[in-house]
């Protein structure tokens, strides 16, 4: 079982607003969090793995949903 780490609010905001530079390195823990948050099976992501468009989409979706929750708090 993989454990993810919820990103900081600033990170979530950047992704939700479409401002995150996807050419920066991505923490695999944040990608694992996104999969967990959206209810997907463990993606078995490890440090150094290739980042796919599907992974970027899942991180984006998770951050948009989480940002909406944070805005309601």
PDB file of N, CA and C in Angstrom:
ATOM      1  N   UNK A   1       0.834  -1.176   0.000  1.00  0.00           N
ATOM      2  CA  UNK A   1       0.000   0.000   0.000  1.00  0.00           C
ATOM      3  C   UNK A   1       0.881   1.243   0.000  1.00  0.00           C
ATOM      4  N   UNK A   2       0.540   2.190  -0.838  1.00  0.00           N
ATOM      5  CA  UNK A   2       1.309   3.416  -0.944  1.00  0.00           C
ATOM      6  C   UNK A   2       0.615   4.525  -0.158  1.00  0.00           C
ATOM      7  N   UNK A   3       1.399   5.337   0.462  1.00  0.00           N
ATOM      8  CA  UNK A   3       0.846   6.447   1.215  1.00  0.00           C
ATOM      9  C   UNK A   3       1.187   7.754   0.517  1.00  0.00           C
ATOM     10  N   UNK A   4       0.188   8.582   0.357  1.00  0.00           N
ATOM     11  CA  UNK A   4       0.405   9.883  -0.244  1.00  0.00           C
ATOM     12  C   UNK A   4       0.463  10.955   0.819  1.00  0.00           C
ATOM     13  N   UNK A   5       0.913  12.093   0.414  1.00  0.00           N
ATOM     14  CA  UNK A   5       1.007  13.244   1.297  1.00  0.00           C
ATOM     15  C   UNK A   5       0.212  14.366   0.658  1.00  0.00           C
ATOM     16  N   UNK A   6      -0.765  14.908   1.410  1.00  0.00           N
ATOM     17  CA  UNK A   6      -1.524  16.021   0.860  1.00  0.00           C
ATOM     18  C   UNK A   6      -0.603  17.206   0.663  1.00  0.00           C
ATOM     19  N   UNK A   7      -0.640  17.785  -0.524  1.00  0.00           N
ATOM     20  CA  UNK A   7       0.214  18.951  -0.789  1.00  0.00           C
ATOM     21  C   UNK A   7      -0.211  20.162   0.037  1.00  0.00           C
ATOM     22  N   UNK A   8       0.657  21.145   0.065  1.00  0.00           N
ATOM     23  CA  UNK A   8       0.347  22.392   0.762  1.00  0.00           C
ATOM     24  C   UNK A   8      -0.793  23.105   0.039  1.00  0.00           C
ATOM     25  N   UNK A   9      -1.408  24.035   0.739  1.00  0.00           N
ATOM     26  CA  UNK A   9      -2.500  24.813   0.130  1.00  0.00           C
ATOM     27  C   UNK A   9      -2.004  25.596  -1.089  1.00  0.00           C
ATOM     28  N   UNK A  10      -0.790  26.112  -1.024  1.00  0.00           N
ATOM     29  CA  UNK A  10      -0.229  26.861  -2.150  1.00  0.00           C
ATOM     30  C   UNK A  10      -0.079  25.963  -3.381  1.00  0.00           C
ATOM     31  N   UNK A  11       0.399  24.751  -3.165  1.00  0.00           N
ATOM     32  CA  UNK A  11       0.566  23.776  -4.254  1.00  0.00           C
ATOM     33  C   UNK A  11      -0.792  23.438  -4.852  1.00  0.00           C
ATOM     34  N   UNK A  12      -1.770  23.166  -3.994  1.00  0.00           N
ATOM     35  CA  UNK A  12      -3.121  22.835  -4.460  1.00  0.00           C
ATOM     36  C   UNK A  12      -3.695  23.991  -5.255  1.00  0.00           C
ATOM     37  N   UNK A  13      -3.515  25.220  -4.768  1.00  0.00           N
ATOM     38  CA  UNK A  13      -4.027  26.407  -5.459  1.00  0.00           C
ATOM     39  C   UNK A  13      -3.386  26.549  -6.831  1.00  0.00           C
ATOM     40  N   UNK A  14      -2.069  26.349  -6.917  1.00  0.00           N
ATOM     41  CA  UNK A  14      -1.380  26.454  -8.205  1.00  0.00           C
ATOM     42  C   UNK A  14      -1.942  25.451  -9.211  1.00  0.00           C
ATOM     43  N   UNK A  15      -2.105  24.209  -8.780  1.00  0.00           N
ATOM     44  CA  UNK A  15      -2.651  23.186  -9.678  1.00  0.00           C
ATOM     45  C   UNK A  15      -4.089  23.509 -10.052  1.00  0.00           C
ATOM     46  N   UNK A  16      -4.895  23.890  -9.091  1.00  0.00           N
ATOM     47  CA  UNK A  16      -6.310  24.175  -9.340  1.00  0.00           C
ATOM     48  C   UNK A  16      -6.477  25.352 -10.303  1.00  0.00           C
ATOM     49  N   UNK A  17      -5.578  26.325 -10.222  1.00  0.00           N
ATOM     50  CA  UNK A  17      -5.646  27.499 -11.088  1.00  0.00           C
ATOM     51  C   UNK A  17      -4.935  27.291 -12.424  1.00  0.00           C
ATOM     52  N   UNK A  18      -4.311  26.128 -12.608  1.00  0.00           N
ATOM     53  CA  UNK A  18      -3.596  25.848 -13.852  1.00  0.00           C
ATOM     54  C   UNK A  18      -2.275  26.575 -13.966  1.00  0.00           C
ATOM     55  N   UNK A  19      -1.709  26.969 -12.835  1.00  0.00           N
ATOM     56  CA  UNK A  19      -0.470  27.742 -12.834  1.00  0.00           C
ATOM     57  C   UNK A  19       0.766  26.928 -12.469  1.00  0.00           C
ATOM     58  N   UNK A  20       0.603  25.639 -12.162  1.00  0.00           N
ATOM     59  CA  UNK A  20       1.754  24.826 -11.780  1.00  0.00           C
ATOM     60  C   UNK A  20       2.582  24.503 -13.018  1.00  0.00           C
ATOM     61  N   UNK A  21       3.870  24.670 -12.934  1.00  0.00           N
ATOM     62  CA  UNK A  21       4.773  24.343 -14.030  1.00  0.00           C
ATOM     63  C   UNK A  21       5.053  22.844 -13.995  1.00  0.00           C
ATOM     64  N   UNK A  22       4.426  22.107 -14.898  1.00  0.00           N
ATOM     65  CA  UNK A  22       4.552  20.641 -14.874  1.00  0.00           C
ATOM     66  C   UNK A  22       5.934  20.162 -15.300  1.00  0.00           C
ATOM     67  N   UNK A  23       6.815  21.065 -15.687  1.00  0.00           N
ATOM     68  CA  UNK A  23       8.187  20.681 -16.011  1.00  0.00           C
ATOM     69  C   UNK A  23       9.063  20.614 -14.763  1.00  0.00           C
ATOM     70  N   UNK A  24       8.514  21.070 -13.632  1.00  0.00           N
ATOM     71  CA  UNK A  24       9.215  20.927 -12.353  1.00  0.00           C
ATOM     72  C   UNK A  24       9.095  19.474 -11.908  1.00  0.00           C
ATOM     73  N   UNK A  25      10.025  19.014 -11.103  1.00  0.00           N
ATOM     74  CA  UNK A  25       9.877  17.657 -10.562  1.00  0.00           C
ATOM     75  C   UNK A  25       8.603  17.549  -9.720  1.00  0.00           C
ATOM     76  N   UNK A  26       7.932  16.413  -9.816  1.00  0.00           N
ATOM     77  CA  UNK A  26       6.732  16.149  -9.030  1.00  0.00           C
ATOM     78  C   UNK A  26       7.061  15.168  -7.922  1.00  0.00           C
ATOM     79  N   UNK A  27       6.563  15.441  -6.742  1.00  0.00           N
ATOM     80  CA  UNK A  27       6.756  14.508  -5.625  1.00  0.00           C
ATOM     81  C   UNK A  27       5.815  13.321  -5.822  1.00  0.00           C
ATOM     82  N   UNK A  28       6.357  12.124  -5.806  1.00  0.00           N
ATOM     83  CA  UNK A  28       5.500  10.947  -6.017  1.00  0.00           C
ATOM     84  C   UNK A  28       4.455  10.834  -4.926  1.00  0.00           C
ATOM     85  N   UNK A  29       4.755  11.355  -3.724  1.00  0.00           N
ATOM     86  CA  UNK A  29       3.784  11.307  -2.633  1.00  0.00           C
ATOM     87  C   UNK A  29       2.543  12.138  -2.956  1.00  0.00           C
ATOM     88  N   UNK A  30       2.719  13.242  -3.686  1.00  0.00           N
ATOM     89  CA  UNK A  30       1.578  14.070  -4.070  1.00  0.00           C
ATOM     90  C   UNK A  30       0.745  13.370  -5.140  1.00  0.00           C
ATOM     91  N   UNK A  31       1.400  12.704  -6.065  1.00  0.00           N
ATOM     92  CA  UNK A  31       0.669  11.945  -7.078  1.00  0.00           C
ATOM     93  C   UNK A  31      -0.102  10.801  -6.419  1.00  0.00           C
ATOM     94  N   UNK A  32       0.524  10.109  -5.476  1.00  0.00           N
ATOM     95  CA  UNK A  32      -0.158   9.026  -4.761  1.00  0.00           C
ATOM     96  C   UNK A  32      -1.361   9.572  -3.994  1.00  0.00           C
ATOM     97  N   UNK A  33      -1.215  10.748  -3.393  1.00  0.00           N
ATOM     98  CA  UNK A  33      -2.336  11.381  -2.693  1.00  0.00           C
ATOM     99  C   UNK A  33      -3.495  11.634  -3.649  1.00  0.00           C
ATOM    100  N   UNK A  34      -3.186  12.152  -4.839  1.00  0.00           N
ATOM    101  CA  UNK A  34      -4.229  12.468  -5.824  1.00  0.00           C
ATOM    102  C   UNK A  34      -5.011  11.219  -6.204  1.00  0.00           C
ATOM    103  N   UNK A  35      -4.320  10.121  -6.448  1.00  0.00           N
ATOM    104  CA  UNK A  35      -5.000   8.867  -6.785  1.00  0.00           C
ATOM    105  C   UNK A  35      -5.890   8.426  -5.626  1.00  0.00           C
ATOM    106  N   UNK A  36      -5.355   8.477  -4.405  1.00  0.00           N
ATOM    107  CA  UNK A  36      -6.137   8.092  -3.226  1.00  0.00           C
ATOM    108  C   UNK A  36      -7.346   9.004  -3.061  1.00  0.00           C
ATOM    109  N   UNK A  37      -7.123  10.305  -3.180  1.00  0.00           N
ATOM    110  CA  UNK A  37      -8.177  11.293  -2.977  1.00  0.00           C
ATOM    111  C   UNK A  37      -9.330  11.080  -3.953  1.00  0.00           C
ATOM    112  N   UNK A  38      -9.023  10.706  -5.174  1.00  0.00           N
ATOM    113  CA  UNK A  38     -10.040  10.479  -6.200  1.00  0.00           C
ATOM    114  C   UNK A  38     -10.639   9.074  -6.146  1.00  0.00           C
ATOM    115  N   UNK A  39     -10.099   8.218  -5.280  1.00  0.00           N
ATOM    116  CA  UNK A  39     -10.654   6.879  -5.121  1.00  0.00           C
ATOM    117  C   UNK A  39     -10.101   5.844  -6.081  1.00  0.00           C
ATOM    118  N   UNK A  40      -8.968   6.118  -6.722  1.00  0.00           N
ATOM    119  CA  UNK A  40      -8.347   5.166  -7.630  1.00  0.00           C
ATOM    120  C   UNK A  40      -7.493   4.168  -6.859  1.00  0.00           C
ATOM    121  N   UNK A  41      -7.217   3.055  -7.497  1.00  0.00           N
ATOM    122  CA  UNK A  41      -6.318   2.061  -6.922  1.00  0.00           C
ATOM    123  C   UNK A  41      -4.909   2.626  -6.835  1.00  0.00           C
ATOM    124  N   UNK A  42      -4.114   2.026  -5.981  1.00  0.00           N
ATOM    125  CA  UNK A  42      -2.723   2.401  -5.797  1.00  0.00           C
ATOM    126  C   UNK A  42      -1.997   2.375  -7.144  1.00  0.00           C
ATOM    127  N   UNK A  43      -1.438   3.497  -7.582  1.00  0.00           N
ATOM    128  CA  UNK A  43      -0.788   3.537  -8.892  1.00  0.00           C
ATOM    129  C   UNK A  43       0.623   2.959  -8.894  1.00  0.00           C
ATOM    130  N   UNK A  44       1.136   2.612  -7.733  1.00  0.00           N
ATOM    131  CA  UNK A  44       2.500   2.074  -7.613  1.00  0.00           C
ATOM    132  C   UNK A  44       3.545   3.020  -8.221  1.00  0.00           C
ATOM    133  N   UNK A  45       3.414   4.278  -7.904  1.00  0.00           N
ATOM    134  CA  UNK A  45       4.347   5.302  -8.376  1.00  0.00           C
ATOM    135  C   UNK A  45       5.585   5.280  -7.477  1.00  0.00           C
ATOM    136  N   UNK A  46       6.725   5.426  -8.089  1.00  0.00           N
ATOM    137  CA  UNK A  46       7.975   5.484  -7.337  1.00  0.00           C
ATOM    138  C   UNK A  46       8.794   6.683  -7.814  1.00  0.00           C
ATOM    139  N   UNK A  47       9.698   7.136  -6.991  1.00  0.00           N
ATOM    140  CA  UNK A  47      10.570   8.242  -7.358  1.00  0.00           C
ATOM    141  C   UNK A  47      11.312   7.895  -8.643  1.00  0.00           C
ATOM    142  N   UNK A  48      11.352   8.842  -9.560  1.00  0.00           N
ATOM    143  CA  UNK A  48      12.051   8.652 -10.816  1.00  0.00           C
ATOM    144  C   UNK A  48      11.193   8.089 -11.931  1.00  0.00           C
ATOM    145  N   UNK A  49       9.949   7.692 -11.634  1.00  0.00           N
ATOM    146  CA  UNK A  49       9.058   7.188 -12.677  1.00  0.00           C
ATOM    147  C   UNK A  49       8.687   8.304 -13.648  1.00  0.00           C
ATOM    148  N   UNK A  50       8.328   7.907 -14.837  1.00  0.00           N
ATOM    149  CA  UNK A  50       7.889   8.860 -15.852  1.00  0.00           C
ATOM    150  C   UNK A  50       6.508   9.380 -15.474  1.00  0.00           C
ATOM    151  N   UNK A  51       6.310  10.671 -15.614  1.00  0.00           N
ATOM    152  CA  UNK A  51       5.023  11.297 -15.342  1.00  0.00           C
ATOM    153  C   UNK A  51       4.193  11.231 -16.621  1.00  0.00           C
ATOM    154  N   UNK A  52       2.989  10.701 -16.509  1.00  0.00           N
ATOM    155  CA  UNK A  52       2.115  10.573 -17.671  1.00  0.00           C
ATOM    156  C   UNK A  52       1.075  11.683 -17.682  1.00  0.00           C
ATOM    157  N   UNK A  53       0.460  11.891 -18.825  1.00  0.00           N
ATOM    158  CA  UNK A  53      -0.618  12.872 -18.918  1.00  0.00           C
ATOM    159  C   UNK A  53      -1.766  12.497 -17.994  1.00  0.00           C
ATOM    160  N   UNK A  54      -2.039  11.193 -17.876  1.00  0.00           N
ATOM    161  CA  UNK A  54      -3.097  10.739 -16.977  1.00  0.00           C
ATOM    162  C   UNK A  54      -2.812  11.106 -15.535  1.00  0.00           C
ATOM    163  N   UNK A  55      -1.549  11.012 -15.134  1.00  0.00           N
ATOM    164  CA  UNK A  55      -1.169  11.375 -13.770  1.00  0.00           C
ATOM    165  C   UNK A  55      -1.353  12.875 -13.555  1.00  0.00           C
ATOM    166  N   UNK A  56      -0.950  13.668 -14.533  1.00  0.00           N
ATOM    167  CA  UNK A  56      -1.120  15.119 -14.427  1.00  0.00           C
ATOM    168  C   UNK A  56      -2.606  15.457 -14.320  1.00  0.00           C
ATOM    169  N   UNK A  57      -3.440  14.781 -15.093  1.00  0.00           N
ATOM    170  CA  UNK A  57      -4.874  15.034 -15.048  1.00  0.00           C
ATOM    171  C   UNK A  57      -5.459  14.677 -13.682  1.00  0.00           C
ATOM    172  N   UNK A  58      -5.002  13.564 -13.101  1.00  0.00           N
ATOM    173  CA  UNK A  58      -5.513  13.151 -11.788  1.00  0.00           C
ATOM    174  C   UNK A  58      -5.080  14.132 -10.701  1.00  0.00           C
ATOM    175  N   UNK A  59      -3.840  14.589 -10.759  1.00  0.00           N
ATOM    176  CA  UNK A  59      -3.386  15.574  -9.778  1.00  0.00           C
ATOM    177  C   UNK A  59      -4.211  16.849  -9.922  1.00  0.00           C
ATOM    178  N   UNK A  60      -4.442  17.274 -11.149  1.00  0.00           N
ATOM    179  CA  UNK A  60      -5.244  18.477 -11.396  1.00  0.00           C
ATOM    180  C   UNK A  60      -6.655  18.309 -10.854  1.00  0.00           C
ATOM    181  N   UNK A  61      -7.294  17.199 -11.185  1.00  0.00           N
ATOM    182  CA  UNK A  61      -8.661  16.947 -10.714  1.00  0.00           C
ATOM    183  C   UNK A  61      -8.735  16.943  -9.192  1.00  0.00           C
ATOM    184  N   UNK A  62      -7.783  16.257  -8.552  1.00  0.00           N
ATOM    185  CA  UNK A  62      -7.781  16.180  -7.090  1.00  0.00           C
ATOM    186  C   UNK A  62      -7.578  17.563  -6.478  1.00  0.00           C
ATOM    187  N   UNK A  63      -6.687  18.355  -7.059  1.00  0.00           N
ATOM    188  CA  UNK A  63      -6.425  19.691  -6.511  1.00  0.00           C
ATOM    189  C   UNK A  63      -7.623  20.614  -6.708  1.00  0.00           C
ATOM    190  N   UNK A  64      -8.303  20.516  -7.836  1.00  0.00           N
ATOM    191  CA  UNK A  64      -9.498  21.344  -8.064  1.00  0.00           C
ATOM    192  C   UNK A  64     -10.563  20.996  -7.020  1.00  0.00           C
ATOM    193  N   UNK A  65     -10.801  19.712  -6.814  1.00  0.00           N
ATOM    194  CA  UNK A  65     -11.811  19.296  -5.824  1.00  0.00           C
ATOM    195  C   UNK A  65     -11.417  19.706  -4.421  1.00  0.00           C
ATOM    196  N   UNK A  66     -10.149  19.514  -4.069  1.00  0.00           N
ATOM    197  CA  UNK A  66      -9.689  19.874  -2.723  1.00  0.00           C
ATOM    198  C   UNK A  66      -9.754  21.384  -2.513  1.00  0.00           C
ATOM    199  N   UNK A  67      -9.424  22.160  -3.561  1.00  0.00           N
ATOM    200  CA  UNK A  67      -9.488  23.614  -3.443  1.00  0.00           C
ATOM    201  C   UNK A  67     -10.932  24.060  -3.171  1.00  0.00           C
ATOM    202  N   UNK A  68     -11.883  23.427  -3.817  1.00  0.00           N
ATOM    203  CA  UNK A  68     -13.283  23.760  -3.564  1.00  0.00           C
ATOM    204  C   UNK A  68     -13.657  23.474  -2.111  1.00  0.00           C
ATOM    205  N   UNK A  69     -13.167  22.363  -1.568  1.00  0.00           N
ATOM    206  CA  UNK A  69     -13.426  22.050  -0.161  1.00  0.00           C
ATOM    207  C   UNK A  69     -12.788  23.101   0.744  1.00  0.00           C
ATOM    208  N   UNK A  70     -11.556  23.472   0.461  1.00  0.00           N
ATOM    209  CA  UNK A  70     -10.869  24.458   1.286  1.00  0.00           C
ATOM    210  C   UNK A  70     -11.552  25.820   1.224  1.00  0.00           C
ATOM    211  N   UNK A  71     -12.086  26.160   0.065  1.00  0.00           N
ATOM    212  CA  UNK A  71     -12.793  27.439  -0.075  1.00  0.00           C
ATOM    213  C   UNK A  71     -14.066  27.477   0.768  1.00  0.00           C
ATOM    214  N   UNK A  72     -14.684  26.320   1.004  1.00  0.00           N
ATOM    215  CA  UNK A  72     -15.907  26.265   1.796  1.00  0.00           C
ATOM    216  C   UNK A  72     -15.640  26.295   3.290  1.00  0.00           C
ATOM    217  N   UNK A  73     -14.401  26.038   3.684  1.00  0.00           N
ATOM    218  CA  UNK A  73     -14.063  26.004   5.126  1.00  0.00           C
ATOM    219  C   UNK A  73     -14.017  27.391   5.713  1.00  0.00           C
TER     220      UNK A  73
END
